[in-house]
Amino acid sequence: MESLKAYETVVTTIESELQLTHPISLGLALNFSLFYYEIMNSPERACHLAKQAFDVSYVVTEWATCQEQPDTVGGTMMSGLREAVSIIDVLSIGKDYIVEVEALEAARGHS
């Protein structure tokens, strides 16, 4: 499939040229995960891609910072990834990964 090859080429290029938290990298991760979900009919791969990008960005930028500045491009992309992970998880496996992340974060804050 030409679309898949194009995405893979762009991902390889972006990974070597930009930081994983760059808004273009985050946007690509969001689009690629939705491509896997919608076109390739692979919710597991879609969720994996979105989770991976969200997790890396979450650790580097801290989700709280993005919530405080949602009008930034990075904040918008993080919100999109967060929503994609939630929706794909709930639709495909009935479990919400983001709720688990937030619960862990809340537990850390109370320790």
Protein backbone atom coordinates (compact mmCIF):
# COMPACT_ATOMS: atom_id res chain seq x y z
CA MET A 1 0.00 0.00 0.00
CA GLU A 2 1.49 3.33 -1.09
CA SER A 3 0.03 5.28 1.81
CA LEU A 4 1.67 3.03 4.38
CA LYS A 5 5.04 3.32 2.64
CA ALA A 6 4.68 7.11 2.53
CA TYR A 7 3.88 7.28 6.25
CA GLU A 8 6.82 5.01 7.09
CA THR A 9 9.18 7.17 5.02
CA VAL A 10 7.98 10.35 6.69
CA VAL A 11 8.24 8.79 10.16
CA THR A 12 11.84 7.75 9.50
CA THR A 13 12.69 11.24 8.27
CA ILE A 14 10.95 13.02 11.14
CA GLU A 15 12.58 10.77 13.76
CA SER A 16 16.03 11.68 12.45
CA GLU A 17 15.32 15.40 12.00
CA LEU A 18 13.03 16.50 14.86
CA GLN A 19 12.58 15.88 18.55
CA LEU A 20 9.79 13.47 19.45
CA THR A 21 7.99 16.28 21.24
CA HIS A 22 8.04 18.65 18.26
CA PRO A 23 4.49 19.54 17.19
CA ILE A 24 5.08 18.08 13.71
CA SER A 25 6.25 14.79 15.24
CA LEU A 26 3.22 14.70 17.52
CA GLY A 27 0.87 15.55 14.65
CA LEU A 28 2.39 12.81 12.51
CA ALA A 29 1.99 10.30 15.34
CA LEU A 30 -1.66 11.29 15.70
CA ASN A 31 -2.33 11.05 11.96
CA PHE A 32 -0.43 7.77 11.59
CA SER A 33 -2.33 6.21 14.48
CA LEU A 34 -5.63 7.27 12.95
CA PHE A 35 -4.47 5.88 9.58
CA TYR A 36 -3.87 2.51 11.23
CA TYR A 37 -7.24 2.64 12.95
CA GLU A 38 -9.36 3.89 10.04
CA ILE A 39 -7.60 2.61 6.91
CA MET A 40 -5.59 -0.41 8.02
CA ASN A 41 -8.29 -1.57 10.46
CA SER A 42 -5.66 -2.21 13.11
CA PRO A 43 -6.79 -0.69 16.42
CA GLU A 44 -3.99 -2.43 18.33
CA ARG A 45 -1.26 -0.85 16.17
CA ALA A 46 -3.09 2.49 16.17
CA CYS A 47 -3.30 2.50 19.94
CA HIS A 48 0.34 1.45 20.29
CA LEU A 49 1.51 4.35 18.11
CA ALA A 50 -0.62 6.92 19.89
CA LYS A 51 0.33 5.59 23.35
CA GLN A 52 4.01 5.59 22.47
CA ALA A 53 3.94 9.21 21.28
CA PHE A 54 1.80 10.29 24.22
CA ASP A 55 4.02 8.53 26.76
CA VAL A 56 7.24 10.03 25.40
CA SER A 57 5.72 13.49 25.23
CA TYR A 58 4.12 13.10 28.65
CA VAL A 59 7.46 12.29 30.24
CA VAL A 60 9.36 15.04 28.42
CA THR A 61 6.85 17.89 28.56
CA GLU A 62 4.72 16.84 31.50
CA TRP A 63 1.04 16.72 30.67
CA ALA A 64 0.31 19.37 33.29
CA THR A 65 2.29 21.92 31.27
CA CYS A 66 0.23 21.17 28.16
CA GLN A 67 -3.00 21.45 30.13
CA GLU A 68 -1.91 24.86 31.39
CA GLN A 69 -1.07 26.01 27.85
CA PRO A 70 -3.62 24.23 25.63
CA ASP A 71 -3.44 26.94 22.98
CA THR A 72 0.10 25.94 21.98
CA VAL A 73 0.57 23.62 19.02
CA GLY A 74 2.27 21.07 21.26
CA GLY A 75 -0.58 21.27 23.76
CA THR A 76 -3.10 20.77 20.97
CA MET A 77 -1.23 17.74 19.60
CA MET A 78 -0.91 16.22 23.08
CA SER A 79 -4.64 16.68 23.60
CA GLY A 80 -5.31 15.03 20.24
CA LEU A 81 -3.08 12.08 21.10
CA ARG A 82 -4.72 11.77 24.48
CA GLU A 83 -8.18 11.68 22.93
CA ALA A 84 -7.08 9.22 20.23
CA VAL A 85 -5.67 6.84 22.83
CA SER A 86 -8.86 7.07 24.91
CA ILE A 87 -11.22 6.56 22.00
CA ILE A 88 -9.27 3.71 20.40
CA ASP A 89 -8.84 1.96 23.76
CA VAL A 90 -12.48 2.19 24.69
CA LEU A 91 -13.71 1.17 21.23
CA SER A 92 -11.29 -1.71 20.72
CA ILE A 93 -10.66 -3.19 24.17
CA GLY A 94 -13.09 -1.47 26.49
CA LYS A 95 -10.28 -0.11 28.68
CA ASP A 96 -9.14 3.52 28.99
CA TYR A 97 -5.36 3.80 29.17
CA ILE A 98 -5.45 7.55 29.86
CA VAL A 99 -7.57 7.03 32.98
CA GLU A 100 -4.89 4.64 34.22
CA VAL A 101 -2.12 7.19 33.52
CA GLU A 102 -4.05 9.91 35.35
CA ALA A 103 -4.67 7.60 38.32
CA LEU A 104 -0.95 6.80 38.53
CA GLU A 105 -0.09 10.51 38.30
CA ALA A 106 -2.60 11.33 41.04
CA ALA A 107 -1.18 8.57 43.24
CA ARG A 108 2.34 9.97 42.77
CA GLY A 109 1.09 13.41 43.79
CA HIS A 110 -0.35 12.04 47.03
CA SER A 111 2.80 10.09 47.98
